[in-house]
Amino acid sequence: MPELPEVQTVVDGIKPNILRRKVINFKAYTNKLRYPISRSISEKIVGNYVKNIYRRAKYIILDLNNSQSIVVHLGMSGRIIVLKADKDKKLKHTQFIIQFSKDIELQYIDPRKFGLIKVIPSNLLQESKLFVHLGPEPLSRLFNKSYLKKICNNKNTPIKSIIMNQKYVVGIGNIYASESLFLAKITPIKVCNKLTIKELSLLITSIRKVLRKSIQSGGSSISDYAMVNGKLGNYQNELEVYGREGSICREKSCQSKILRIVIAQRSTFYCPVCQK
């Protein structure tokens, strides 16, 4: 599933192409993704221009000048490409197309149909059921050691489960949770209320470093994800522990093998020597 770095890479990729462009047409090629696609989308967006594009958690948001916002989620296998409009260029598994002025179109490709598109009044976004339950952004100042300490104080939950819970902090998927905990030298099974302020501070720093590095590398192309231009991300080539079960730890002073365990039904990779 595309996580925060992948979604941010998509936002950065589409922004130069469609910002300040007028929506000319909307065409859906399926009635339902994760939710039914509303028949009123066209009348809400056509004729209006994109005034802002940003990410919230794993959602891509296009604010329009009529105070409506197009919200897109990539689901498990969704991709977005931007290309010159051509009636013969509908690609396989394209579920909807948004056409913009100057012959530009956005195609949403999703073989599994787990993504979504909704149009929500901009001033009601944060109160909608998509956003109201979400925690702070991991790259924001709201996600700090005092906040995380308060979350962890009364919980006997493995720290990996906490940082993957969208209610506490958004966008840190399985890959980035494992990588961040390795960088912070914290074992993923450590009960969160046992972590010190120093450890929590180091973990937050590590999360931010890992996420920013992945964004700079275009995200991780492990399954279906690719950038808007069709190229693969590169961060999967820099992973220290994720997917490396049985391989030797890359720390120079360590010869231990990377282990795989399951936490909350998710594969978790870590070094039993480096991470305590």
C-alpha atoms as a PDB file:
ATOM      1  CA  MET A   1       0.000   0.000   0.000  1.00  0.00           C
ATOM      2  CA  PRO A   2       1.362   3.471  -0.835  1.00  0.00           C
ATOM      3  CA  GLU A   3       2.316   5.223   2.404  1.00  0.00           C
ATOM      4  CA  LEU A   4       3.166   8.836   3.255  1.00  0.00           C
ATOM      5  CA  PRO A   5       6.352   9.132   1.130  1.00  0.00           C
ATOM      6  CA  GLU A   6       4.677   7.580  -1.904  1.00  0.00           C
ATOM      7  CA  VAL A   7       1.592   9.796  -1.585  1.00  0.00           C
ATOM      8  CA  GLN A   8       3.735  12.901  -1.089  1.00  0.00           C
ATOM      9  CA  THR A   9       5.723  11.948  -4.189  1.00  0.00           C
ATOM     10  CA  VAL A  10       2.466  11.731  -6.165  1.00  0.00           C
ATOM     11  CA  VAL A  11       1.374  15.155  -4.884  1.00  0.00           C
ATOM     12  CA  ASP A  12       4.737  16.645  -5.852  1.00  0.00           C
ATOM     13  CA  GLY A  13       4.459  14.990  -9.268  1.00  0.00           C
ATOM     14  CA  ILE A  14       0.983  16.191 -10.201  1.00  0.00           C
ATOM     15  CA  LYS A  15       1.239  19.716  -8.797  1.00  0.00           C
ATOM     16  CA  PRO A  16       3.297  21.271 -11.637  1.00  0.00           C
ATOM     17  CA  ASN A  17       0.897  19.793 -14.206  1.00  0.00           C
ATOM     18  CA  ILE A  18      -2.562  20.608 -12.857  1.00  0.00           C
ATOM     19  CA  LEU A  19      -2.233  23.461 -10.363  1.00  0.00           C
ATOM     20  CA  ARG A  20      -4.340  26.435 -11.571  1.00  0.00           C
ATOM     21  CA  ARG A  21      -5.766  24.314 -14.399  1.00  0.00           C
ATOM     22  CA  LYS A  22      -9.506  24.242 -15.014  1.00  0.00           C
ATOM     23  CA  VAL A  23     -11.393  20.947 -14.770  1.00  0.00           C
ATOM     24  CA  ILE A  24     -12.930  20.282 -18.196  1.00  0.00           C
ATOM     25  CA  ASN A  25     -14.439  16.827 -17.735  1.00  0.00           C
ATOM     26  CA  PHE A  26     -14.761  13.888 -15.359  1.00  0.00           C
ATOM     27  CA  LYS A  27     -15.341  10.327 -16.521  1.00  0.00           C
ATOM     28  CA  ALA A  28     -15.696   7.238 -14.300  1.00  0.00           C
ATOM     29  CA  TYR A  29     -15.215   3.772 -15.765  1.00  0.00           C
ATOM     30  CA  THR A  30     -16.539   1.949 -12.705  1.00  0.00           C
ATOM     31  CA  ASN A  31     -19.447   2.584 -10.361  1.00  0.00           C
ATOM     32  CA  LYS A  32     -17.563   1.705  -7.210  1.00  0.00           C
ATOM     33  CA  LEU A  33     -14.092   1.776  -5.736  1.00  0.00           C
ATOM     34  CA  ARG A  34     -13.891   1.445  -1.944  1.00  0.00           C
ATOM     35  CA  TYR A  35     -17.104   3.471  -1.931  1.00  0.00           C
ATOM     36  CA  PRO A  36     -19.592   4.141  -4.742  1.00  0.00           C
ATOM     37  CA  ILE A  37     -18.482   6.957  -7.042  1.00  0.00           C
ATOM     38  CA  SER A  38     -21.023   9.754  -6.742  1.00  0.00           C
ATOM     39  CA  ARG A  39     -22.871  10.710  -9.906  1.00  0.00           C
ATOM     40  CA  SER A  40     -22.718  14.356  -8.804  1.00  0.00           C
ATOM     41  CA  ILE A  41     -18.914  14.635  -9.039  1.00  0.00           C
ATOM     42  CA  SER A  42     -18.961  16.199 -12.509  1.00  0.00           C
ATOM     43  CA  GLU A  43     -21.364  18.991 -11.599  1.00  0.00           C
ATOM     44  CA  LYS A  44     -19.316  19.802  -8.487  1.00  0.00           C
ATOM     45  CA  ILE A  45     -15.917  20.037 -10.184  1.00  0.00           C
ATOM     46  CA  VAL A  46     -16.267  20.774 -13.912  1.00  0.00           C
ATOM     47  CA  GLY A  47     -15.654  24.413 -14.801  1.00  0.00           C
ATOM     48  CA  ASN A  48     -13.596  25.131 -11.690  1.00  0.00           C
ATOM     49  CA  TYR A  49      -9.847  25.401 -11.346  1.00  0.00           C
ATOM     50  CA  VAL A  50      -7.391  23.799  -8.929  1.00  0.00           C
ATOM     51  CA  LYS A  51      -6.113  26.374  -6.451  1.00  0.00           C
ATOM     52  CA  ASN A  52      -4.181  24.082  -4.094  1.00  0.00           C
ATOM     53  CA  ILE A  53      -2.869  20.503  -3.980  1.00  0.00           C
ATOM     54  CA  TYR A  54      -1.639  18.848  -0.804  1.00  0.00           C
ATOM     55  CA  ARG A  55      -1.517  15.649   1.224  1.00  0.00           C
ATOM     56  CA  ARG A  56      -3.243  14.786   4.495  1.00  0.00           C
ATOM     57  CA  ALA A  57      -2.222  11.381   5.839  1.00  0.00           C
ATOM     58  CA  LYS A  58      -2.471   9.115   2.770  1.00  0.00           C
ATOM     59  CA  TYR A  59      -5.066  11.275   1.006  1.00  0.00           C
ATOM     60  CA  ILE A  60      -4.403  13.507  -2.008  1.00  0.00           C
ATOM     61  CA  ILE A  61      -6.483  16.688  -1.850  1.00  0.00           C
ATOM     62  CA  LEU A  62      -7.225  19.093  -4.696  1.00  0.00           C
ATOM     63  CA  ASP A  63      -8.878  22.292  -3.480  1.00  0.00           C
ATOM     64  CA  LEU A  64     -11.018  24.000  -6.120  1.00  0.00           C
ATOM     65  CA  ASN A  65     -11.960  27.668  -6.394  1.00  0.00           C
ATOM     66  CA  ASN A  66     -15.644  26.871  -5.704  1.00  0.00           C
ATOM     67  CA  SER A  67     -14.795  25.731  -2.147  1.00  0.00           C
ATOM     68  CA  GLN A  68     -15.048  22.051  -3.022  1.00  0.00           C
ATOM     69  CA  SER A  69     -12.185  19.573  -2.556  1.00  0.00           C
ATOM     70  CA  ILE A  70     -11.455  16.462  -4.586  1.00  0.00           C
ATOM     71  CA  VAL A  71     -10.162  13.744  -2.243  1.00  0.00           C
ATOM     72  CA  VAL A  72      -8.332  10.731  -3.678  1.00  0.00           C
ATOM     73  CA  HIS A  73      -6.913   7.706  -1.855  1.00  0.00           C
ATOM     74  CA  LEU A  74      -4.697   5.217  -3.678  1.00  0.00           C
ATOM     75  CA  GLY A  75      -5.861   2.216  -1.667  1.00  0.00           C
ATOM     76  CA  MET A  76      -3.736  -0.920  -2.005  1.00  0.00           C
ATOM     77  CA  SER A  77      -2.693  -0.695  -5.638  1.00  0.00           C
ATOM     78  CA  GLY A  78      -3.729   2.729  -6.949  1.00  0.00           C
ATOM     79  CA  ARG A  79      -1.556   4.839  -9.212  1.00  0.00           C
ATOM     80  CA  ILE A  80      -1.959   8.276 -10.768  1.00  0.00           C
ATOM     81  CA  ILE A  81      -0.446   9.342 -14.059  1.00  0.00           C
ATOM     82  CA  VAL A  82      -0.700  12.696 -15.793  1.00  0.00           C
ATOM     83  CA  LEU A  83      -0.483  12.850 -19.594  1.00  0.00           C
ATOM     84  CA  LYS A  84      -1.679  14.630 -22.685  1.00  0.00           C
ATOM     85  CA  ALA A  85      -5.406  14.102 -23.192  1.00  0.00           C
ATOM     86  CA  ASP A  86      -6.107  11.495 -25.867  1.00  0.00           C
ATOM     87  CA  LYS A  87      -9.312   9.493 -26.218  1.00  0.00           C
ATOM     88  CA  ASP A  88      -7.254   6.458 -27.251  1.00  0.00           C
ATOM     89  CA  LYS A  89      -4.900   6.578 -24.253  1.00  0.00           C
ATOM     90  CA  LYS A  90      -7.116   5.085 -21.556  1.00  0.00           C
ATOM     91  CA  LEU A  91      -4.809   2.629 -19.860  1.00  0.00           C
ATOM     92  CA  LYS A  92      -5.635  -0.796 -18.462  1.00  0.00           C
ATOM     93  CA  HIS A  93      -7.359  -0.629 -15.051  1.00  0.00           C
ATOM     94  CA  THR A  94      -8.011   3.120 -15.346  1.00  0.00           C
ATOM     95  CA  GLN A  95     -11.025   3.708 -13.097  1.00  0.00           C
ATOM     96  CA  PHE A  96     -11.545   7.433 -13.659  1.00  0.00           C
ATOM     97  CA  ILE A  97     -10.103  10.319 -15.641  1.00  0.00           C
ATOM     98  CA  ILE A  98     -10.127  14.013 -14.767  1.00  0.00           C
ATOM     99  CA  GLN A  99      -9.487  16.214 -17.802  1.00  0.00           C
ATOM    100  CA  PHE A 100      -7.987  19.662 -17.360  1.00  0.00           C
ATOM    101  CA  SER A 101      -7.422  22.675 -19.573  1.00  0.00           C
ATOM    102  CA  LYS A 102      -4.506  22.675 -22.041  1.00  0.00           C
ATOM    103  CA  ASP A 103      -5.173  19.018 -22.916  1.00  0.00           C
ATOM    104  CA  ILE A 104      -3.925  17.570 -19.636  1.00  0.00           C
ATOM    105  CA  GLU A 105      -5.602  14.601 -17.973  1.00  0.00           C
ATOM    106  CA  LEU A 106      -5.173  12.703 -14.743  1.00  0.00           C
ATOM    107  CA  GLN A 107      -5.798   8.961 -14.948  1.00  0.00           C
ATOM    108  CA  TYR A 108      -6.419   6.944 -11.803  1.00  0.00           C
ATOM    109  CA  ILE A 109      -5.320   3.315 -12.256  1.00  0.00           C
ATOM    110  CA  ASP A 110      -6.363   0.738  -9.658  1.00  0.00           C
ATOM    111  CA  PRO A 111      -6.551  -3.010 -10.451  1.00  0.00           C
ATOM    112  CA  ARG A 112      -7.945  -3.925  -7.024  1.00  0.00           C
ATOM    113  CA  LYS A 113     -10.361  -0.987  -6.751  1.00  0.00           C
ATOM    114  CA  PHE A 114      -9.562  -0.300  -3.078  1.00  0.00           C
ATOM    115  CA  GLY A 115      -8.986   3.434  -3.600  1.00  0.00           C
ATOM    116  CA  LEU A 116     -11.553   6.206  -3.495  1.00  0.00           C
ATOM    117  CA  ILE A 117     -12.591   9.544  -4.926  1.00  0.00           C
ATOM    118  CA  LYS A 118     -14.928  11.895  -3.114  1.00  0.00           C
ATOM    119  CA  VAL A 119     -15.807  15.570  -3.416  1.00  0.00           C
ATOM    120  CA  ILE A 120     -16.282  17.293  -0.059  1.00  0.00           C
ATOM    121  CA  PRO A 121     -16.857  20.965   0.814  1.00  0.00           C
ATOM    122  CA  SER A 122     -13.421  22.310   1.703  1.00  0.00           C
ATOM    123  CA  ASN A 123     -14.522  23.790   5.022  1.00  0.00           C
ATOM    124  CA  LEU A 124     -15.929  20.409   6.133  1.00  0.00           C
ATOM    125  CA  LEU A 125     -12.930  18.252   5.241  1.00  0.00           C
ATOM    126  CA  GLN A 126     -11.480  17.899   8.724  1.00  0.00           C
ATOM    127  CA  GLU A 127     -14.919  17.067  10.164  1.00  0.00           C
ATOM    128  CA  SER A 128     -15.637  14.376   7.578  1.00  0.00           C
ATOM    129  CA  LYS A 129     -15.462  10.687   8.447  1.00  0.00           C
ATOM    130  CA  LEU A 130     -12.313  10.371   6.342  1.00  0.00           C
ATOM    131  CA  PHE A 131     -10.303  12.801   8.463  1.00  0.00           C
ATOM    132  CA  VAL A 132     -11.916  13.339  11.857  1.00  0.00           C
ATOM    133  CA  HIS A 133     -10.171  10.371  13.507  1.00  0.00           C
ATOM    134  CA  LEU A 134      -6.671  11.063  12.171  1.00  0.00           C
ATOM    135  CA  GLY A 135      -3.691  11.900  14.356  1.00  0.00           C
ATOM    136  CA  PRO A 136      -1.018  14.506  13.630  1.00  0.00           C
ATOM    137  CA  GLU A 137       1.372  14.444  10.688  1.00  0.00           C
ATOM    138  CA  PRO A 138       4.721  12.864  11.620  1.00  0.00           C
ATOM    139  CA  LEU A 139       6.641  15.707   9.958  1.00  0.00           C
ATOM    140  CA  SER A 140       4.722  18.375  11.886  1.00  0.00           C
ATOM    141  CA  ARG A 141       5.579  20.017  15.213  1.00  0.00           C
ATOM    142  CA  LEU A 142       2.454  18.496  16.764  1.00  0.00           C
ATOM    143  CA  PHE A 143       4.159  15.102  16.670  1.00  0.00           C
ATOM    144  CA  ASN A 144       6.713  15.634  19.424  1.00  0.00           C
ATOM    145  CA  LYS A 145       8.122  13.773  22.427  1.00  0.00           C
ATOM    146  CA  SER A 146       5.584  15.233  24.870  1.00  0.00           C
ATOM    147  CA  TYR A 147       2.694  14.188  22.652  1.00  0.00           C
ATOM    148  CA  LEU A 148       4.074  10.683  22.103  1.00  0.00           C
ATOM    149  CA  LYS A 149       4.859  10.243  25.803  1.00  0.00           C
ATOM    150  CA  LYS A 150       1.264  11.116  26.666  1.00  0.00           C
ATOM    151  CA  ILE A 151      -0.001   8.554  24.140  1.00  0.00           C
ATOM    152  CA  CYS A 152       2.311   5.842  25.467  1.00  0.00           C
ATOM    153  CA  ASN A 153       1.982   6.443  29.211  1.00  0.00           C
ATOM    154  CA  ASN A 154      -0.861   4.045  29.980  1.00  0.00           C
ATOM    155  CA  LYS A 155      -0.494   1.524  27.166  1.00  0.00           C
ATOM    156  CA  ASN A 156       1.046  -1.938  27.266  1.00  0.00           C
ATOM    157  CA  THR A 157       1.219  -2.025  23.471  1.00  0.00           C
ATOM    158  CA  PRO A 158       4.316  -2.686  21.350  1.00  0.00           C
ATOM    159  CA  ILE A 159       5.703   0.614  20.148  1.00  0.00           C
ATOM    160  CA  LYS A 160       5.463  -0.489  16.513  1.00  0.00           C
ATOM    161  CA  SER A 161       1.685  -0.817  16.835  1.00  0.00           C
ATOM    162  CA  ILE A 162       1.465   2.713  18.243  1.00  0.00           C
ATOM    163  CA  ILE A 163       3.381   4.426  15.442  1.00  0.00           C
ATOM    164  CA  MET A 164       1.372   2.521  12.823  1.00  0.00           C
ATOM    165  CA  ASN A 165      -1.970   3.534  14.341  1.00  0.00           C
ATOM    166  CA  GLN A 166      -3.467   6.371  12.255  1.00  0.00           C
ATOM    167  CA  LYS A 167      -5.299   7.613  15.346  1.00  0.00           C
ATOM    168  CA  TYR A 168      -1.977   8.503  16.980  1.00  0.00           C
ATOM    169  CA  VAL A 169       0.136   9.524  13.980  1.00  0.00           C
ATOM    170  CA  VAL A 170      -0.613   9.259  10.273  1.00  0.00           C
ATOM    171  CA  GLY A 171       1.198   7.810   7.300  1.00  0.00           C
ATOM    172  CA  ILE A 172       3.818   5.567   8.925  1.00  0.00           C
ATOM    173  CA  GLY A 173       3.268   2.256   7.201  1.00  0.00           C
ATOM    174  CA  ASN A 174       4.867  -1.097   7.856  1.00  0.00           C
ATOM    175  CA  ILE A 175       8.047  -0.415   5.898  1.00  0.00           C
ATOM    176  CA  TYR A 176       8.738   2.915   7.554  1.00  0.00           C
ATOM    177  CA  ALA A 177       7.856   1.724  11.062  1.00  0.00           C
ATOM    178  CA  SER A 178      10.411  -1.090  10.812  1.00  0.00           C
ATOM    179  CA  GLU A 179      13.065   1.169   9.298  1.00  0.00           C
ATOM    180  CA  SER A 180      12.532   3.967  11.829  1.00  0.00           C
ATOM    181  CA  LEU A 181      12.742   1.617  14.803  1.00  0.00           C
ATOM    182  CA  PHE A 182      15.973   0.174  13.428  1.00  0.00           C
ATOM    183  CA  LEU A 183      17.470   3.635  13.005  1.00  0.00           C
ATOM    184  CA  ALA A 184      16.445   4.507  16.584  1.00  0.00           C
ATOM    185  CA  LYS A 185      17.847   1.138  17.830  1.00  0.00           C
ATOM    186  CA  ILE A 186      14.530   0.310  19.534  1.00  0.00           C
ATOM    187  CA  THR A 187      13.094  -3.167  19.291  1.00  0.00           C
ATOM    188  CA  PRO A 188       9.587  -3.170  17.757  1.00  0.00           C
ATOM    189  CA  ILE A 189       8.246  -5.395  20.547  1.00  0.00           C
ATOM    190  CA  LYS A 190       9.193  -3.005  23.349  1.00  0.00           C
ATOM    191  CA  VAL A 191       6.129  -1.992  25.336  1.00  0.00           C
ATOM    192  CA  CYS A 192       5.535   1.673  24.633  1.00  0.00           C
ATOM    193  CA  ASN A 193       5.099   2.792  28.254  1.00  0.00           C
ATOM    194  CA  LYS A 194       8.629   1.546  28.977  1.00  0.00           C
ATOM    195  CA  LEU A 195      10.242   3.968  26.560  1.00  0.00           C
ATOM    196  CA  THR A 196      12.053   6.957  28.035  1.00  0.00           C
ATOM    197  CA  ILE A 197      11.638  10.518  26.818  1.00  0.00           C
ATOM    198  CA  LYS A 198      15.104  10.240  25.281  1.00  0.00           C
ATOM    199  CA  GLU A 199      14.094   7.111  23.348  1.00  0.00           C
ATOM    200  CA  LEU A 200      10.830   8.675  22.178  1.00  0.00           C
ATOM    201  CA  SER A 201      12.680  11.780  21.015  1.00  0.00           C
ATOM    202  CA  LEU A 202      15.167   9.632  19.101  1.00  0.00           C
ATOM    203  CA  LEU A 203      12.316   7.640  17.562  1.00  0.00           C
ATOM    204  CA  ILE A 204      10.581  10.801  16.336  1.00  0.00           C
ATOM    205  CA  THR A 205      13.844  12.060  14.838  1.00  0.00           C
ATOM    206  CA  SER A 206      14.358   8.675  13.151  1.00  0.00           C
ATOM    207  CA  ILE A 207      10.811   8.600  11.743  1.00  0.00           C
ATOM    208  CA  ARG A 208      11.271  12.024  10.202  1.00  0.00           C
ATOM    209  CA  LYS A 209      14.670  11.136   8.774  1.00  0.00           C
ATOM    210  CA  VAL A 210      13.388   7.909   7.195  1.00  0.00           C
ATOM    211  CA  LEU A 211      10.278   9.545   5.722  1.00  0.00           C
ATOM    212  CA  ARG A 212      12.191  12.498   4.276  1.00  0.00           C
ATOM    213  CA  LYS A 213      14.829  10.236   2.784  1.00  0.00           C
ATOM    214  CA  SER A 214      12.148   8.089   1.143  1.00  0.00           C
ATOM    215  CA  ILE A 215      10.404  11.172  -0.286  1.00  0.00           C
ATOM    216  CA  GLN A 216      13.722  12.315  -1.758  1.00  0.00           C
ATOM    217  CA  SER A 217      14.136   8.837  -3.294  1.00  0.00           C
ATOM    218  CA  GLY A 218      10.667   8.844  -4.843  1.00  0.00           C
ATOM    219  CA  GLY A 219       9.188   6.390  -2.341  1.00  0.00           C
ATOM    220  CA  SER A 220       9.400   2.596  -2.214  1.00  0.00           C
ATOM    221  CA  SER A 221       8.352   0.556  -5.254  1.00  0.00           C
ATOM    222  CA  ILE A 222       7.894  -2.853  -3.668  1.00  0.00           C
ATOM    223  CA  SER A 223       4.509  -3.811  -5.120  1.00  0.00           C
ATOM    224  CA  ASP A 224       2.342  -1.726  -7.468  1.00  0.00           C
ATOM    225  CA  TYR A 225       3.586   1.768  -6.703  1.00  0.00           C
ATOM    226  CA  ALA A 226       5.218   3.959  -9.334  1.00  0.00           C
ATOM    227  CA  MET A 227       5.685   7.709  -9.591  1.00  0.00           C
ATOM    228  CA  VAL A 228       3.455   9.946 -11.712  1.00  0.00           C
ATOM    229  CA  ASN A 229       5.966   9.776 -14.564  1.00  0.00           C
ATOM    230  CA  GLY A 230       5.839   5.967 -14.493  1.00  0.00           C
ATOM    231  CA  LYS A 231       9.296   5.542 -12.989  1.00  0.00           C
ATOM    232  CA  LEU A 232       9.838   3.397  -9.915  1.00  0.00           C
ATOM    233  CA  GLY A 233      10.833   4.812  -6.551  1.00  0.00           C
ATOM    234  CA  ASN A 234      14.303   3.987  -5.231  1.00  0.00           C
ATOM    235  CA  TYR A 235      13.968   3.775  -1.460  1.00  0.00           C
ATOM    236  CA  GLN A 236      13.420  -0.002  -1.510  1.00  0.00           C
ATOM    237  CA  ASN A 237      17.101  -0.259  -2.472  1.00  0.00           C
ATOM    238  CA  GLU A 238      18.121   1.444   0.787  1.00  0.00           C
ATOM    239  CA  LEU A 239      16.089  -0.598   3.276  1.00  0.00           C
ATOM    240  CA  GLU A 240      18.069  -1.733   6.298  1.00  0.00           C
ATOM    241  CA  VAL A 241      15.711  -4.364   7.741  1.00  0.00           C
ATOM    242  CA  TYR A 242      12.373  -4.534   5.942  1.00  0.00           C
ATOM    243  CA  GLY A 243      12.159  -7.639   3.744  1.00  0.00           C
ATOM    244  CA  ARG A 244      15.675  -8.744   4.745  1.00  0.00           C
ATOM    245  CA  GLU A 245      14.834 -11.741   6.939  1.00  0.00           C
ATOM    246  CA  GLY A 246      17.893 -13.974   7.302  1.00  0.00           C
ATOM    247  CA  SER A 247      20.282 -11.379   5.873  1.00  0.00           C
ATOM    248  CA  ILE A 248      23.198 -10.026   7.893  1.00  0.00           C
ATOM    249  CA  CYS A 249      22.641  -6.704   9.643  1.00  0.00           C
ATOM    250  CA  ARG A 250      24.322  -3.857   7.776  1.00  0.00           C
ATOM    251  CA  GLU A 251      25.783  -2.281  10.904  1.00  0.00           C
ATOM    252  CA  LYS A 252      29.535  -2.760  10.564  1.00  0.00           C
ATOM    253  CA  SER A 253      29.961  -4.003  14.131  1.00  0.00           C
ATOM    254  CA  CYS A 254      27.070  -6.476  13.937  1.00  0.00           C
ATOM    255  CA  GLN A 255      26.962  -9.937  12.343  1.00  0.00           C
ATOM    256  CA  SER A 256      23.486 -10.857  13.518  1.00  0.00           C
ATOM    257  CA  LYS A 257      20.770 -11.969  11.100  1.00  0.00           C
ATOM    258  CA  ILE A 258      17.636  -9.889  10.579  1.00  0.00           C
ATOM    259  CA  LEU A 259      14.593 -11.546  12.140  1.00  0.00           C
ATOM    260  CA  ARG A 260      10.976 -11.494  11.054  1.00  0.00           C
ATOM    261  CA  ILE A 261       8.117 -11.624  13.557  1.00  0.00           C
ATOM    262  CA  VAL A 262       4.435 -10.742  13.355  1.00  0.00           C
ATOM    263  CA  ILE A 263       2.971  -7.819  15.306  1.00  0.00           C
ATOM    264  CA  ALA A 264      -0.708  -7.011  14.890  1.00  0.00           C
ATOM    265  CA  GLN A 265      -0.849  -9.343  11.886  1.00  0.00           C
ATOM    266  CA  ARG A 266       1.923  -7.459  10.089  1.00  0.00           C
ATOM    267  CA  SER A 267       5.384  -8.734   9.239  1.00  0.00           C
ATOM    268  CA  THR A 268       7.985  -6.942  11.320  1.00  0.00           C
ATOM    269  CA  PHE A 269      11.719  -6.977  10.643  1.00  0.00           C
ATOM    270  CA  TYR A 270      14.435  -6.098  13.122  1.00  0.00           C
ATOM    271  CA  CYS A 271      17.962  -6.810  14.334  1.00  0.00           C
ATOM    272  CA  PRO A 272      17.932  -8.634  17.708  1.00  0.00           C
ATOM    273  CA  VAL A 273      21.378  -7.289  18.584  1.00  0.00           C
ATOM    274  CA  CYS A 274      21.203  -3.649  17.498  1.00  0.00           C
ATOM    275  CA  GLN A 275      17.647  -3.042  18.664  1.00  0.00           C
ATOM    276  CA  LYS A 276      16.939  -3.194  22.395  1.00  0.00           C
END
